[in-house]
Amino acid sequence: MGELIKLFAELGVTPPTLIMCYLLFRTVKAHESVLGELKEMLQLHEKRIMKLEWRVTPNQEP
């Protein structure tokens, strides 16, 4: 980890900038994780809706 910080220092990236980039990266990863869970939940609900629609016969009203 120390070598990585040295490399960024040589490139002119200051520690505060490095910390902000790290925090931003963590935030994006957290949002991606939540988004993935929401997509899974949506797929489950869509499957349930499809099952309910399939059970309703054409003569019945929803």
N, C-alpha and C. Protein backbone atom coordinates (compact mmCIF):
# COMPACT_ATOMS: atom_id res chain seq x y z
N MET A 1 0.84 -1.19 0.00
CA MET A 1 0.00 0.00 0.00
C MET A 1 0.88 1.24 0.00
N GLY A 2 1.98 1.23 0.74
CA GLY A 2 2.88 2.37 0.80
C GLY A 2 3.47 2.70 -0.56
N GLU A 3 3.79 1.64 -1.33
CA GLU A 3 4.36 1.86 -2.66
C GLU A 3 3.35 2.53 -3.58
N LEU A 4 2.09 2.16 -3.42
CA LEU A 4 1.04 2.76 -4.24
C LEU A 4 0.91 4.25 -3.93
N ILE A 5 0.98 4.59 -2.65
CA ILE A 5 0.90 6.00 -2.25
C ILE A 5 2.10 6.77 -2.81
N LYS A 6 3.28 6.15 -2.78
CA LYS A 6 4.49 6.79 -3.33
C LYS A 6 4.32 7.02 -4.83
N LEU A 7 3.75 6.05 -5.51
CA LEU A 7 3.54 6.18 -6.95
C LEU A 7 2.61 7.35 -7.25
N PHE A 8 1.50 7.45 -6.51
CA PHE A 8 0.59 8.56 -6.71
C PHE A 8 1.26 9.89 -6.38
N ALA A 9 2.11 9.92 -5.37
CA ALA A 9 2.82 11.15 -5.00
C ALA A 9 3.75 11.57 -6.14
N GLU A 10 4.41 10.60 -6.76
CA GLU A 10 5.28 10.91 -7.90
C GLU A 10 4.49 11.45 -9.08
N LEU A 11 3.24 11.00 -9.20
CA LEU A 11 2.39 11.48 -10.28
C LEU A 11 1.75 12.82 -9.97
N GLY A 12 1.95 13.30 -8.74
CA GLY A 12 1.41 14.60 -8.37
C GLY A 12 0.04 14.54 -7.72
N VAL A 13 -0.41 13.34 -7.35
CA VAL A 13 -1.70 13.20 -6.69
C VAL A 13 -1.47 13.40 -5.19
N THR A 14 -2.14 14.38 -4.64
CA THR A 14 -1.95 14.69 -3.22
C THR A 14 -2.76 13.74 -2.35
N PRO A 15 -2.35 13.53 -1.12
CA PRO A 15 -3.10 12.62 -0.23
C PRO A 15 -4.59 12.98 -0.10
N PRO A 16 -4.96 14.26 0.06
CA PRO A 16 -6.41 14.55 0.15
C PRO A 16 -7.17 14.12 -1.11
N THR A 17 -6.57 14.31 -2.27
CA THR A 17 -7.20 13.90 -3.52
C THR A 17 -7.33 12.38 -3.57
N LEU A 18 -6.29 11.70 -3.12
CA LEU A 18 -6.30 10.24 -3.09
C LEU A 18 -7.39 9.73 -2.16
N ILE A 19 -7.54 10.36 -1.01
CA ILE A 19 -8.59 9.96 -0.05
C ILE A 19 -9.96 10.20 -0.65
N MET A 20 -10.16 11.33 -1.30
CA MET A 20 -11.46 11.62 -1.91
C MET A 20 -11.78 10.62 -3.01
N CYS A 21 -10.80 10.25 -3.81
CA CYS A 21 -11.02 9.26 -4.87
C CYS A 21 -11.39 7.92 -4.26
N TYR A 22 -10.72 7.54 -3.19
CA TYR A 22 -11.02 6.28 -2.53
C TYR A 22 -12.44 6.28 -1.97
N LEU A 23 -12.83 7.37 -1.31
CA LEU A 23 -14.19 7.46 -0.75
C LEU A 23 -15.24 7.44 -1.86
N LEU A 24 -14.96 8.12 -2.95
CA LEU A 24 -15.88 8.11 -4.09
C LEU A 24 -16.01 6.71 -4.66
N PHE A 25 -14.88 6.01 -4.79
CA PHE A 25 -14.90 4.64 -5.29
C PHE A 25 -15.74 3.74 -4.40
N ARG A 26 -15.56 3.86 -3.08
CA ARG A 26 -16.34 3.05 -2.13
C ARG A 26 -17.83 3.35 -2.23
N THR A 27 -18.16 4.62 -2.40
CA THR A 27 -19.56 5.02 -2.51
C THR A 27 -20.19 4.42 -3.76
N VAL A 28 -19.48 4.48 -4.86
CA VAL A 28 -19.99 3.92 -6.11
C VAL A 28 -20.18 2.42 -5.98
N LYS A 29 -19.23 1.73 -5.38
CA LYS A 29 -19.34 0.28 -5.19
C LYS A 29 -20.54 -0.06 -4.31
N ALA A 30 -20.78 0.74 -3.26
CA ALA A 30 -21.93 0.50 -2.38
C ALA A 30 -23.23 0.68 -3.16
N HIS A 31 -23.29 1.71 -3.99
CA HIS A 31 -24.51 1.94 -4.78
C HIS A 31 -24.72 0.81 -5.79
N GLU A 32 -23.65 0.32 -6.37
CA GLU A 32 -23.77 -0.78 -7.32
C GLU A 32 -24.31 -2.03 -6.61
N SER A 33 -23.86 -2.25 -5.39
CA SER A 33 -24.33 -3.39 -4.61
C SER A 33 -25.82 -3.28 -4.33
N VAL A 34 -26.25 -2.10 -3.90
CA VAL A 34 -27.68 -1.88 -3.60
C VAL A 34 -28.50 -2.01 -4.88
N LEU A 35 -27.99 -1.47 -5.97
CA LEU A 35 -28.69 -1.55 -7.25
C LEU A 35 -28.85 -3.01 -7.68
N GLY A 36 -27.82 -3.82 -7.48
CA GLY A 36 -27.90 -5.23 -7.82
C GLY A 36 -28.97 -5.95 -7.01
N GLU A 37 -29.05 -5.64 -5.72
CA GLU A 37 -30.07 -6.24 -4.88
C GLU A 37 -31.47 -5.82 -5.31
N LEU A 38 -31.63 -4.56 -5.67
CA LEU A 38 -32.93 -4.07 -6.12
C LEU A 38 -33.34 -4.73 -7.43
N LYS A 39 -32.39 -4.95 -8.32
CA LYS A 39 -32.70 -5.63 -9.58
C LYS A 39 -33.18 -7.05 -9.32
N GLU A 40 -32.54 -7.75 -8.38
CA GLU A 40 -32.96 -9.10 -8.04
C GLU A 40 -34.38 -9.09 -7.47
N MET A 41 -34.68 -8.14 -6.60
CA MET A 41 -36.01 -8.04 -6.01
C MET A 41 -37.05 -7.76 -7.10
N LEU A 42 -36.72 -6.89 -8.04
CA LEU A 42 -37.63 -6.56 -9.13
C LEU A 42 -37.91 -7.79 -9.98
N GLN A 43 -36.89 -8.58 -10.26
CA GLN A 43 -37.08 -9.79 -11.05
C GLN A 43 -38.01 -10.77 -10.34
N LEU A 44 -37.85 -10.91 -9.02
CA LEU A 44 -38.73 -11.79 -8.26
C LEU A 44 -40.17 -11.31 -8.32
N HIS A 45 -40.37 -10.01 -8.19
CA HIS A 45 -41.73 -9.47 -8.26
C HIS A 45 -42.33 -9.65 -9.65
N GLU A 46 -41.51 -9.47 -10.68
CA GLU A 46 -42.00 -9.67 -12.04
C GLU A 46 -42.43 -11.12 -12.26
N LYS A 47 -41.66 -12.07 -11.70
CA LYS A 47 -42.04 -13.48 -11.82
C LYS A 47 -43.36 -13.74 -11.12
N ARG A 48 -43.53 -13.14 -9.94
CA ARG A 48 -44.78 -13.33 -9.20
C ARG A 48 -45.96 -12.75 -9.97
N ILE A 49 -45.77 -11.59 -10.56
CA ILE A 49 -46.84 -10.95 -11.34
C ILE A 49 -47.19 -11.83 -12.54
N MET A 50 -46.17 -12.37 -13.20
CA MET A 50 -46.43 -13.23 -14.36
C MET A 50 -47.22 -14.47 -13.94
N LYS A 51 -46.89 -15.05 -12.78
CA LYS A 51 -47.63 -16.22 -12.30
C LYS A 51 -49.07 -15.86 -12.01
N LEU A 52 -49.30 -14.69 -11.39
CA LEU A 52 -50.66 -14.27 -11.09
C LEU A 52 -51.45 -14.00 -12.36
N GLU A 53 -50.83 -13.37 -13.36
CA GLU A 53 -51.50 -13.10 -14.62
C GLU A 53 -51.82 -14.41 -15.34
N TRP A 54 -50.95 -15.39 -15.22
CA TRP A 54 -51.16 -16.66 -15.89
C TRP A 54 -52.34 -17.40 -15.27
N ARG A 55 -52.51 -17.25 -13.96
CA ARG A 55 -53.60 -17.93 -13.25
C ARG A 55 -54.96 -17.35 -13.58
N VAL A 56 -55.02 -16.08 -13.94
CA VAL A 56 -56.30 -15.43 -14.25
C VAL A 56 -56.73 -15.90 -15.64
N THR A 57 -57.93 -16.45 -15.72
CA THR A 57 -58.43 -16.91 -17.03
C THR A 57 -58.96 -15.70 -17.81
N PRO A 58 -59.09 -15.81 -19.11
CA PRO A 58 -59.56 -14.66 -19.92
C PRO A 58 -60.96 -14.16 -19.52
N ASN A 59 -61.81 -15.02 -18.96
CA ASN A 59 -63.17 -14.60 -18.60
C ASN A 59 -63.22 -13.85 -17.27
N GLN A 60 -62.17 -13.94 -16.49
CA GLN A 60 -62.14 -13.27 -15.18
C GLN A 60 -61.54 -11.88 -15.33
N GLU A 61 -62.05 -10.98 -14.47
CA GLU A 61 -61.46 -9.64 -14.43
C GLU A 61 -60.38 -9.62 -13.37
N PRO A 62 -59.28 -8.94 -13.62
CA PRO A 62 -58.19 -8.89 -12.64
C PRO A 62 -58.60 -8.16 -11.37
